[in-house]
Amino acid sequence: MGPVVTRRQELGAASARSLLLTVLGEFVLPDGRPVWTATLIDLLADLDVAEKAARQAIMRTADSGWIQPSRIGRETRWSLTDAGTELLREGTERIYNFAAESRPWDGRWLVLTVAVPENNRALRQRLRTQLGWAGLGSPSPGVWVTPRAHREARARKVLEDLELLAGSWSFVSTGGAIGDERSLVRAAWDLDDVERRYEDFLDLVSRRRPRTDRQALVAQVRLVQQWRRFPLLDPALPRELLPPRWTGNRAAEAFRERHASWAPRARAAWEQVARPG
């Protein structure tokens, strides 16, 4: 089995390892060059990560198969492995495609029915996590829905991986005359919680005013760290199904604007800290 990202890591919990993953995806992946241990420790220190925790994060990331070391004299530098490159590229695409997503809705729903043994609580939790990651919500036990019917292939892969394909069914259709689609959305997803998280994000972003290149680098890492949770939390519903004045739209615009604004200075600072020792 190849490297995987846990739900906690993908939700962007600000642990040393999670921050390291953000640095790797935002700067090391685009560079395509190895990075020194000292560079990572130096930047993580600016992100309030103690040196011991930073070294542990680096070693655990290596143990997971995402980075590999090479010795240059007494110093060590780290390169992304093929698996780490693939994993970070997928994560980066998810972050930026999500911020830009405005796919029109054709009115169709994907509906799944999935049977999980009652006594297998761990399997139910894995199913909930992975289908949630794929953008599906559950309005009632054993039923999963999304207004993005093109996600059927991803849902099928989840069921295959969990060996739940047998005994499951999928249906693609428009809504009928019974019930209300907005009520279905409210039953399947906690949009109030998602909106509160967007409001917290906007509050944090509005208070950041980096003055130097190094401050822009730190602000950029924190910005991406905080935004990367939303592709998992927010099912990216069509505009027709969202509450009026959905905060997610303003949050996505703020992310795009701040990221573009800080990027040149953040890149300049990264080139300084990442230069060969």
C-alpha atoms as a PDB file:
ATOM      1  CA  MET A   1       0.000   0.000   0.000  1.00  0.00           C
ATOM      2  CA  GLY A   2       1.380   3.449  -0.953  1.00  0.00           C
ATOM      3  CA  PRO A   3       1.520   6.568   1.196  1.00  0.00           C
ATOM      4  CA  VAL A   4      -1.788   8.011   2.322  1.00  0.00           C
ATOM      5  CA  VAL A   5      -2.896  11.251   3.962  1.00  0.00           C
ATOM      6  CA  THR A   6      -5.047  10.928   7.046  1.00  0.00           C
ATOM      7  CA  ARG A   7      -8.260  12.903   7.507  1.00  0.00           C
ATOM      8  CA  ARG A   8      -6.582  14.939  10.267  1.00  0.00           C
ATOM      9  CA  GLN A   9      -3.651  15.847   8.022  1.00  0.00           C
ATOM     10  CA  GLU A  10      -5.932  16.748   5.126  1.00  0.00           C
ATOM     11  CA  LEU A  11      -8.121  18.864   7.358  1.00  0.00           C
ATOM     12  CA  GLY A  12      -5.035  20.960   7.886  1.00  0.00           C
ATOM     13  CA  ALA A  13      -4.556  20.548  11.632  1.00  0.00           C
ATOM     14  CA  ALA A  14      -1.569  22.807  12.353  1.00  0.00           C
ATOM     15  CA  SER A  15       0.795  20.082  13.572  1.00  0.00           C
ATOM     16  CA  ALA A  16       4.471  20.158  12.682  1.00  0.00           C
ATOM     17  CA  ARG A  17       3.981  17.414  10.115  1.00  0.00           C
ATOM     18  CA  SER A  18       0.977  19.066   8.530  1.00  0.00           C
ATOM     19  CA  LEU A  19       2.861  22.363   8.195  1.00  0.00           C
ATOM     20  CA  LEU A  20       5.801  20.499   6.683  1.00  0.00           C
ATOM     21  CA  LEU A  21       3.493  18.952   4.075  1.00  0.00           C
ATOM     22  CA  THR A  22       2.216  22.409   3.193  1.00  0.00           C
ATOM     23  CA  VAL A  23       5.785  23.705   2.745  1.00  0.00           C
ATOM     24  CA  LEU A  24       6.692  20.713   0.589  1.00  0.00           C
ATOM     25  CA  GLY A  25       3.626  21.122  -1.608  1.00  0.00           C
ATOM     26  CA  GLU A  26       3.844  24.894  -1.955  1.00  0.00           C
ATOM     27  CA  PHE A  27       7.591  25.327  -2.531  1.00  0.00           C
ATOM     28  CA  VAL A  28       9.578  22.080  -2.834  1.00  0.00           C
ATOM     29  CA  LEU A  29       7.204  20.457  -5.333  1.00  0.00           C
ATOM     30  CA  PRO A  30       7.271  23.369  -7.839  1.00  0.00           C
ATOM     31  CA  ASP A  31      11.058  23.714  -7.491  1.00  0.00           C
ATOM     32  CA  GLY A  32      11.774  20.069  -8.224  1.00  0.00           C
ATOM     33  CA  ARG A  33      15.004  20.442  -6.209  1.00  0.00           C
ATOM     34  CA  PRO A  34      16.171  18.889  -2.925  1.00  0.00           C
ATOM     35  CA  VAL A  35      15.827  20.977   0.230  1.00  0.00           C
ATOM     36  CA  TRP A  36      18.231  21.097   3.163  1.00  0.00           C
ATOM     37  CA  THR A  37      17.219  19.960   6.636  1.00  0.00           C
ATOM     38  CA  ALA A  38      18.341  23.342   7.978  1.00  0.00           C
ATOM     39  CA  THR A  39      16.040  25.138   5.535  1.00  0.00           C
ATOM     40  CA  LEU A  40      13.001  23.198   6.703  1.00  0.00           C
ATOM     41  CA  ILE A  41      13.855  23.640  10.378  1.00  0.00           C
ATOM     42  CA  ASP A  42      14.466  27.361   9.871  1.00  0.00           C
ATOM     43  CA  LEU A  43      11.127  27.950   8.163  1.00  0.00           C
ATOM     44  CA  LEU A  44       9.184  25.743  10.566  1.00  0.00           C
ATOM     45  CA  ALA A  45      10.664  27.765  13.445  1.00  0.00           C
ATOM     46  CA  ASP A  46       9.011  30.859  11.956  1.00  0.00           C
ATOM     47  CA  LEU A  47       5.774  28.847  12.008  1.00  0.00           C
ATOM     48  CA  ASP A  48       6.167  28.274  15.770  1.00  0.00           C
ATOM     49  CA  VAL A  49       7.447  24.698  15.455  1.00  0.00           C
ATOM     50  CA  ALA A  50      10.251  23.782  17.865  1.00  0.00           C
ATOM     51  CA  GLU A  51      13.385  22.201  16.375  1.00  0.00           C
ATOM     52  CA  LYS A  52      12.767  18.817  18.001  1.00  0.00           C
ATOM     53  CA  ALA A  53       9.214  18.690  16.639  1.00  0.00           C
ATOM     54  CA  ALA A  54      10.456  19.790  13.204  1.00  0.00           C
ATOM     55  CA  ARG A  55      13.066  17.001  13.092  1.00  0.00           C
ATOM     56  CA  GLN A  56      10.458  14.464  14.169  1.00  0.00           C
ATOM     57  CA  ALA A  57       8.101  15.690  11.442  1.00  0.00           C
ATOM     58  CA  ILE A  58      10.829  15.310   8.820  1.00  0.00           C
ATOM     59  CA  MET A  59      11.667  11.770   9.939  1.00  0.00           C
ATOM     60  CA  ARG A  60       8.013  10.704  10.092  1.00  0.00           C
ATOM     61  CA  THR A  61       7.430  12.104   6.624  1.00  0.00           C
ATOM     62  CA  ALA A  62      10.424  10.105   5.403  1.00  0.00           C
ATOM     63  CA  ASP A  63       9.136   6.984   7.178  1.00  0.00           C
ATOM     64  CA  SER A  64       5.823   7.463   5.343  1.00  0.00           C
ATOM     65  CA  GLY A  65       7.660   7.247   2.016  1.00  0.00           C
ATOM     66  CA  TRP A  66       7.125  10.850   0.868  1.00  0.00           C
ATOM     67  CA  ILE A  67      10.714  12.162   1.061  1.00  0.00           C
ATOM     68  CA  GLN A  68      14.152  10.544   0.915  1.00  0.00           C
ATOM     69  CA  PRO A  69      17.526  11.793   2.199  1.00  0.00           C
ATOM     70  CA  SER A  70      20.903  12.280   0.572  1.00  0.00           C
ATOM     71  CA  ARG A  71      24.081  13.174   2.452  1.00  0.00           C
ATOM     72  CA  ILE A  72      26.342  16.014   1.347  1.00  0.00           C
ATOM     73  CA  GLY A  73      29.257  15.946   3.777  1.00  0.00           C
ATOM     74  CA  ARG A  74      27.767  16.358   7.230  1.00  0.00           C
ATOM     75  CA  GLU A  75      24.545  17.873   5.912  1.00  0.00           C
ATOM     76  CA  THR A  76      21.358  16.188   4.695  1.00  0.00           C
ATOM     77  CA  ARG A  77      19.013  17.314   2.001  1.00  0.00           C
ATOM     78  CA  TRP A  78      15.616  15.851   1.131  1.00  0.00           C
ATOM     79  CA  SER A  79      14.008  15.006  -2.198  1.00  0.00           C
ATOM     80  CA  LEU A  80      10.407  14.082  -2.861  1.00  0.00           C
ATOM     81  CA  THR A  81       9.903  10.440  -3.743  1.00  0.00           C
ATOM     82  CA  ASP A  82       7.725   9.490  -6.709  1.00  0.00           C
ATOM     83  CA  ALA A  83       4.915   8.660  -4.278  1.00  0.00           C
ATOM     84  CA  GLY A  84       5.404  11.946  -2.428  1.00  0.00           C
ATOM     85  CA  THR A  85       5.397  13.900  -5.683  1.00  0.00           C
ATOM     86  CA  GLU A  86       2.155  12.244  -6.786  1.00  0.00           C
ATOM     87  CA  LEU A  87       0.489  12.752  -3.422  1.00  0.00           C
ATOM     88  CA  LEU A  88       1.456  16.434  -3.157  1.00  0.00           C
ATOM     89  CA  ARG A  89       0.539  17.126  -6.779  1.00  0.00           C
ATOM     90  CA  GLU A  90      -2.925  15.658  -6.206  1.00  0.00           C
ATOM     91  CA  GLY A  91      -3.294  17.718  -3.034  1.00  0.00           C
ATOM     92  CA  THR A  92      -2.165  20.907  -4.754  1.00  0.00           C
ATOM     93  CA  GLU A  93      -4.566  20.378  -7.640  1.00  0.00           C
ATOM     94  CA  ARG A  94      -7.388  19.745  -5.196  1.00  0.00           C
ATOM     95  CA  ILE A  95      -6.661  22.990  -3.342  1.00  0.00           C
ATOM     96  CA  TYR A  96      -6.444  25.260  -6.383  1.00  0.00           C
ATOM     97  CA  ASN A  97      -9.130  23.596  -8.486  1.00  0.00           C
ATOM     98  CA  PHE A  98     -11.481  23.833  -5.529  1.00  0.00           C
ATOM     99  CA  ALA A  99     -10.833  27.555  -5.143  1.00  0.00           C
ATOM    100  CA  ALA A 100     -11.615  28.084  -8.829  1.00  0.00           C
ATOM    101  CA  GLU A 101     -14.498  25.623  -9.209  1.00  0.00           C
ATOM    102  CA  SER A 102     -17.661  27.046 -10.781  1.00  0.00           C
ATOM    103  CA  ARG A 103     -18.992  24.021 -12.645  1.00  0.00           C
ATOM    104  CA  PRO A 104     -22.616  24.563 -13.776  1.00  0.00           C
ATOM    105  CA  TRP A 105     -25.218  22.115 -12.509  1.00  0.00           C
ATOM    106  CA  ASP A 106     -27.334  20.018 -14.862  1.00  0.00           C
ATOM    107  CA  GLY A 107     -29.942  19.256 -12.170  1.00  0.00           C
ATOM    108  CA  ARG A 108     -28.915  15.616 -11.758  1.00  0.00           C
ATOM    109  CA  TRP A 109     -28.119  13.796  -8.512  1.00  0.00           C
ATOM    110  CA  LEU A 110     -25.942  10.766  -7.866  1.00  0.00           C
ATOM    111  CA  VAL A 111     -27.524   8.533  -5.225  1.00  0.00           C
ATOM    112  CA  LEU A 112     -25.699   5.569  -3.648  1.00  0.00           C
ATOM    113  CA  THR A 113     -27.047   2.893  -1.376  1.00  0.00           C
ATOM    114  CA  VAL A 114     -24.333   1.110   0.590  1.00  0.00           C
ATOM    115  CA  ALA A 115     -24.780  -1.708   3.084  1.00  0.00           C
ATOM    116  CA  VAL A 116     -22.194  -1.947   5.888  1.00  0.00           C
ATOM    117  CA  PRO A 117     -22.462  -4.603   8.628  1.00  0.00           C
ATOM    118  CA  GLU A 118     -23.867  -3.047  11.810  1.00  0.00           C
ATOM    119  CA  ASN A 119     -21.073  -4.450  13.968  1.00  0.00           C
ATOM    120  CA  ASN A 120     -18.279  -3.008  11.761  1.00  0.00           C
ATOM    121  CA  ARG A 121     -18.022   0.509  13.136  1.00  0.00           C
ATOM    122  CA  ALA A 122     -14.478   1.043  11.833  1.00  0.00           C
ATOM    123  CA  LEU A 123     -15.555   0.268   8.272  1.00  0.00           C
ATOM    124  CA  ARG A 124     -18.490   2.671   8.531  1.00  0.00           C
ATOM    125  CA  GLN A 125     -16.126   5.419   9.671  1.00  0.00           C
ATOM    126  CA  ARG A 126     -13.727   4.760   6.783  1.00  0.00           C
ATOM    127  CA  LEU A 127     -16.638   4.841   4.356  1.00  0.00           C
ATOM    128  CA  ARG A 128     -17.881   8.142   5.809  1.00  0.00           C
ATOM    129  CA  THR A 129     -14.413   9.690   5.632  1.00  0.00           C
ATOM    130  CA  GLN A 130     -13.642   8.587   2.085  1.00  0.00           C
ATOM    131  CA  LEU A 131     -17.058   9.320   0.568  1.00  0.00           C
ATOM    132  CA  GLY A 132     -17.000  12.672   2.352  1.00  0.00           C
ATOM    133  CA  TRP A 133     -13.619  13.325   0.757  1.00  0.00           C
ATOM    134  CA  ALA A 134     -15.239  12.519  -2.597  1.00  0.00           C
ATOM    135  CA  GLY A 135     -17.899  15.176  -1.906  1.00  0.00           C
ATOM    136  CA  LEU A 136     -20.833  12.949  -0.935  1.00  0.00           C
ATOM    137  CA  GLY A 137     -23.123  13.454   2.041  1.00  0.00           C
ATOM    138  CA  SER A 138     -25.449  11.075   3.873  1.00  0.00           C
ATOM    139  CA  PRO A 139     -29.015  12.267   4.552  1.00  0.00           C
ATOM    140  CA  SER A 140     -29.970   8.929   6.124  1.00  0.00           C
ATOM    141  CA  PRO A 141     -28.175   5.685   7.092  1.00  0.00           C
ATOM    142  CA  GLY A 142     -26.950   3.704   4.085  1.00  0.00           C
ATOM    143  CA  VAL A 143     -27.766   6.475   1.578  1.00  0.00           C
ATOM    144  CA  TRP A 144     -25.207   8.856   0.027  1.00  0.00           C
ATOM    145  CA  VAL A 145     -25.901  11.725  -2.359  1.00  0.00           C
ATOM    146  CA  THR A 146     -24.197  14.448  -4.357  1.00  0.00           C
ATOM    147  CA  PRO A 147     -25.497  16.858  -7.006  1.00  0.00           C
ATOM    148  CA  ARG A 148     -22.216  16.280  -8.863  1.00  0.00           C
ATOM    149  CA  ALA A 149     -23.083  13.120 -10.800  1.00  0.00           C
ATOM    150  CA  HIS A 150     -19.605  13.006 -12.384  1.00  0.00           C
ATOM    151  CA  ARG A 151     -18.244  11.877  -8.996  1.00  0.00           C
ATOM    152  CA  GLU A 152     -19.630   8.392  -9.545  1.00  0.00           C
ATOM    153  CA  ALA A 153     -16.234   7.054 -10.666  1.00  0.00           C
ATOM    154  CA  ARG A 154     -14.593   8.324  -7.477  1.00  0.00           C
ATOM    155  CA  ALA A 155     -17.364   6.845  -5.356  1.00  0.00           C
ATOM    156  CA  ARG A 156     -16.970   3.509  -7.129  1.00  0.00           C
ATOM    157  CA  LYS A 157     -13.231   3.515  -6.385  1.00  0.00           C
ATOM    158  CA  VAL A 158     -13.963   4.097  -2.694  1.00  0.00           C
ATOM    159  CA  LEU A 159     -16.385   1.174  -2.623  1.00  0.00           C
ATOM    160  CA  GLU A 160     -13.906  -1.050  -4.460  1.00  0.00           C
ATOM    161  CA  ASP A 161     -11.095  -0.184  -2.053  1.00  0.00           C
ATOM    162  CA  LEU A 162     -13.327  -0.924   0.953  1.00  0.00           C
ATOM    163  CA  GLU A 163     -14.689  -4.111  -0.673  1.00  0.00           C
ATOM    164  CA  LEU A 164     -18.243  -2.760  -0.495  1.00  0.00           C
ATOM    165  CA  LEU A 165     -19.081  -2.780  -4.193  1.00  0.00           C
ATOM    166  CA  ALA A 166     -21.155  -5.954  -3.959  1.00  0.00           C
ATOM    167  CA  GLY A 167     -24.559  -5.091  -2.546  1.00  0.00           C
ATOM    168  CA  SER A 168     -24.245  -1.377  -3.394  1.00  0.00           C
ATOM    169  CA  TRP A 169     -26.241   0.485  -6.063  1.00  0.00           C
ATOM    170  CA  SER A 170     -25.952   3.852  -7.747  1.00  0.00           C
ATOM    171  CA  PHE A 171     -28.647   5.919  -9.436  1.00  0.00           C
ATOM    172  CA  VAL A 172     -28.366   9.144 -11.455  1.00  0.00           C
ATOM    173  CA  SER A 173     -31.541  11.181 -11.818  1.00  0.00           C
ATOM    174  CA  THR A 174     -33.169  14.559 -11.342  1.00  0.00           C
ATOM    175  CA  GLY A 175     -35.282  15.299  -8.272  1.00  0.00           C
ATOM    176  CA  GLY A 176     -38.943  14.333  -8.258  1.00  0.00           C
ATOM    177  CA  ALA A 177     -42.119  15.953  -6.932  1.00  0.00           C
ATOM    178  CA  ILE A 178     -41.711  14.649  -3.375  1.00  0.00           C
ATOM    179  CA  GLY A 179     -39.528  16.573  -0.946  1.00  0.00           C
ATOM    180  CA  ASP A 180     -37.339  19.626  -1.325  1.00  0.00           C
ATOM    181  CA  GLU A 181     -33.754  19.595  -2.593  1.00  0.00           C
ATOM    182  CA  ARG A 182     -32.576  22.251  -0.146  1.00  0.00           C
ATOM    183  CA  SER A 183     -33.940  20.164   2.733  1.00  0.00           C
ATOM    184  CA  LEU A 184     -32.036  17.182   1.356  1.00  0.00           C
ATOM    185  CA  VAL A 185     -28.848  19.263   1.332  1.00  0.00           C
ATOM    186  CA  ARG A 186     -29.389  20.301   4.957  1.00  0.00           C
ATOM    187  CA  ALA A 187     -29.870  16.660   5.959  1.00  0.00           C
ATOM    188  CA  ALA A 188     -26.754  15.488   4.105  1.00  0.00           C
ATOM    189  CA  TRP A 189     -24.299  18.242   5.100  1.00  0.00           C
ATOM    190  CA  ASP A 190     -23.807  20.568   8.072  1.00  0.00           C
ATOM    191  CA  LEU A 191     -23.550  23.754   6.025  1.00  0.00           C
ATOM    192  CA  ASP A 192     -23.817  25.957   9.119  1.00  0.00           C
ATOM    193  CA  ASP A 193     -20.585  24.454  10.446  1.00  0.00           C
ATOM    194  CA  VAL A 194     -18.856  24.886   7.073  1.00  0.00           C
ATOM    195  CA  GLU A 195     -19.950  28.510   6.911  1.00  0.00           C
ATOM    196  CA  ARG A 196     -18.632  29.199  10.424  1.00  0.00           C
ATOM    197  CA  ARG A 197     -15.262  27.802   9.372  1.00  0.00           C
ATOM    198  CA  TYR A 198     -15.250  30.062   6.314  1.00  0.00           C
ATOM    199  CA  GLU A 199     -16.004  33.056   8.547  1.00  0.00           C
ATOM    200  CA  ASP A 200     -13.096  32.109  10.825  1.00  0.00           C
ATOM    201  CA  PHE A 201     -10.841  31.842   7.768  1.00  0.00           C
ATOM    202  CA  LEU A 202     -11.872  35.286   6.548  1.00  0.00           C
ATOM    203  CA  ASP A 203     -11.244  36.763   9.986  1.00  0.00           C
ATOM    204  CA  LEU A 204      -7.738  35.296  10.137  1.00  0.00           C
ATOM    205  CA  VAL A 205      -6.845  36.355   6.591  1.00  0.00           C
ATOM    206  CA  SER A 206      -8.101  39.914   7.068  1.00  0.00           C
ATOM    207  CA  ARG A 207      -5.707  40.423   9.997  1.00  0.00           C
ATOM    208  CA  ARG A 208      -2.557  39.410   8.109  1.00  0.00           C
ATOM    209  CA  ARG A 209      -0.474  42.214   6.633  1.00  0.00           C
ATOM    210  CA  PRO A 210       3.022  40.876   5.851  1.00  0.00           C
ATOM    211  CA  ARG A 211       5.533  43.714   5.470  1.00  0.00           C
ATOM    212  CA  THR A 212       8.694  41.788   4.559  1.00  0.00           C
ATOM    213  CA  ASP A 213       9.394  38.949   2.133  1.00  0.00           C
ATOM    214  CA  ARG A 214       9.979  36.563   5.023  1.00  0.00           C
ATOM    215  CA  GLN A 215       6.666  37.524   6.610  1.00  0.00           C
ATOM    216  CA  ALA A 216       4.975  36.948   3.231  1.00  0.00           C
ATOM    217  CA  LEU A 217       6.518  33.470   3.082  1.00  0.00           C
ATOM    218  CA  VAL A 218       5.166  32.592   6.521  1.00  0.00           C
ATOM    219  CA  ALA A 219       1.781  34.131   5.719  1.00  0.00           C
ATOM    220  CA  GLN A 220       1.589  32.142   2.472  1.00  0.00           C
ATOM    221  CA  VAL A 221       2.235  28.847   4.255  1.00  0.00           C
ATOM    222  CA  ARG A 222      -0.399  29.621   6.877  1.00  0.00           C
ATOM    223  CA  LEU A 223      -2.869  30.711   4.191  1.00  0.00           C
ATOM    224  CA  VAL A 224      -2.548  27.446   2.266  1.00  0.00           C
ATOM    225  CA  GLN A 225      -2.511  25.443   5.509  1.00  0.00           C
ATOM    226  CA  GLN A 226      -5.841  26.929   6.554  1.00  0.00           C
ATOM    227  CA  TRP A 227      -7.429  26.730   3.110  1.00  0.00           C
ATOM    228  CA  ARG A 228      -6.492  23.111   2.379  1.00  0.00           C
ATOM    229  CA  ARG A 229      -9.156  21.809   4.770  1.00  0.00           C
ATOM    230  CA  PHE A 230     -12.053  23.202   2.739  1.00  0.00           C
ATOM    231  CA  PRO A 231     -12.007  20.767  -0.228  1.00  0.00           C
ATOM    232  CA  LEU A 232     -12.828  18.074   2.336  1.00  0.00           C
ATOM    233  CA  LEU A 233     -15.239  20.067   4.493  1.00  0.00           C
ATOM    234  CA  ASP A 234     -17.188  21.781   1.698  1.00  0.00           C
ATOM    235  CA  PRO A 235     -19.024  19.524  -0.808  1.00  0.00           C
ATOM    236  CA  ALA A 236     -18.833  22.300  -3.457  1.00  0.00           C
ATOM    237  CA  LEU A 237     -22.565  22.367  -4.041  1.00  0.00           C
ATOM    238  CA  PRO A 238     -24.127  24.162  -7.014  1.00  0.00           C
ATOM    239  CA  ARG A 239     -25.137  27.764  -6.461  1.00  0.00           C
ATOM    240  CA  GLU A 240     -28.813  26.765  -6.736  1.00  0.00           C
ATOM    241  CA  LEU A 241     -28.548  24.644  -3.579  1.00  0.00           C
ATOM    242  CA  LEU A 242     -26.512  27.004  -1.395  1.00  0.00           C
ATOM    243  CA  PRO A 243     -27.862  29.471   1.167  1.00  0.00           C
ATOM    244  CA  PRO A 244     -28.113  33.103   0.038  1.00  0.00           C
ATOM    245  CA  ARG A 245     -24.857  35.091   0.364  1.00  0.00           C
ATOM    246  CA  TRP A 246     -22.804  31.920   0.838  1.00  0.00           C
ATOM    247  CA  THR A 247     -19.622  32.838   2.730  1.00  0.00           C
ATOM    248  CA  GLY A 248     -17.600  30.269   0.807  1.00  0.00           C
ATOM    249  CA  ASN A 249     -17.633  32.491  -2.273  1.00  0.00           C
ATOM    250  CA  ARG A 250     -16.029  35.388  -0.406  1.00  0.00           C
ATOM    251  CA  ALA A 251     -13.539  33.039   1.237  1.00  0.00           C
ATOM    252  CA  ALA A 252     -12.462  31.570  -2.112  1.00  0.00           C
ATOM    253  CA  GLU A 253     -11.987  35.046  -3.545  1.00  0.00           C
ATOM    254  CA  ALA A 254      -9.942  36.084  -0.500  1.00  0.00           C
ATOM    255  CA  PHE A 255      -7.753  32.990  -0.842  1.00  0.00           C
ATOM    256  CA  ARG A 256      -7.087  33.623  -4.537  1.00  0.00           C
ATOM    257  CA  GLU A 257      -6.383  37.317  -4.011  1.00  0.00           C
ATOM    258  CA  ARG A 258      -4.052  36.878  -1.016  1.00  0.00           C
ATOM    259  CA  HIS A 259      -2.208  33.943  -2.577  1.00  0.00           C
ATOM    260  CA  ALA A 260      -1.526  35.840  -5.794  1.00  0.00           C
ATOM    261  CA  SER A 261      -0.567  39.005  -3.913  1.00  0.00           C
ATOM    262  CA  TRP A 262       1.887  37.329  -1.535  1.00  0.00           C
ATOM    263  CA  ALA A 263       3.365  34.817  -3.999  1.00  0.00           C
ATOM    264  CA  PRO A 264       6.209  36.948  -5.480  1.00  0.00           C
ATOM    265  CA  ARG A 265       7.545  37.984  -2.074  1.00  0.00           C
ATOM    266  CA  ALA A 266       7.059  34.489  -0.632  1.00  0.00           C
ATOM    267  CA  ARG A 267       8.986  33.000  -3.555  1.00  0.00           C
ATOM    268  CA  ALA A 268      11.806  35.517  -3.121  1.00  0.00           C
ATOM    269  CA  ALA A 269      12.097  34.652   0.574  1.00  0.00           C
ATOM    270  CA  TRP A 270      12.042  30.914  -0.200  1.00  0.00           C
ATOM    271  CA  GLU A 271      14.909  31.344  -2.649  1.00  0.00           C
ATOM    272  CA  GLN A 272      16.885  32.993   0.150  1.00  0.00           C
ATOM    273  CA  VAL A 273      16.269  30.324   2.795  1.00  0.00           C
ATOM    274  CA  ALA A 274      16.618  27.426   0.326  1.00  0.00           C
ATOM    275  CA  ARG A 275      19.901  28.523  -1.253  1.00  0.00           C
ATOM    276  CA  PRO A 276      22.718  25.934  -1.011  1.00  0.00           C
ATOM    277  CA  GLY A 277      24.578  25.971   2.280  1.00  0.00           C
END
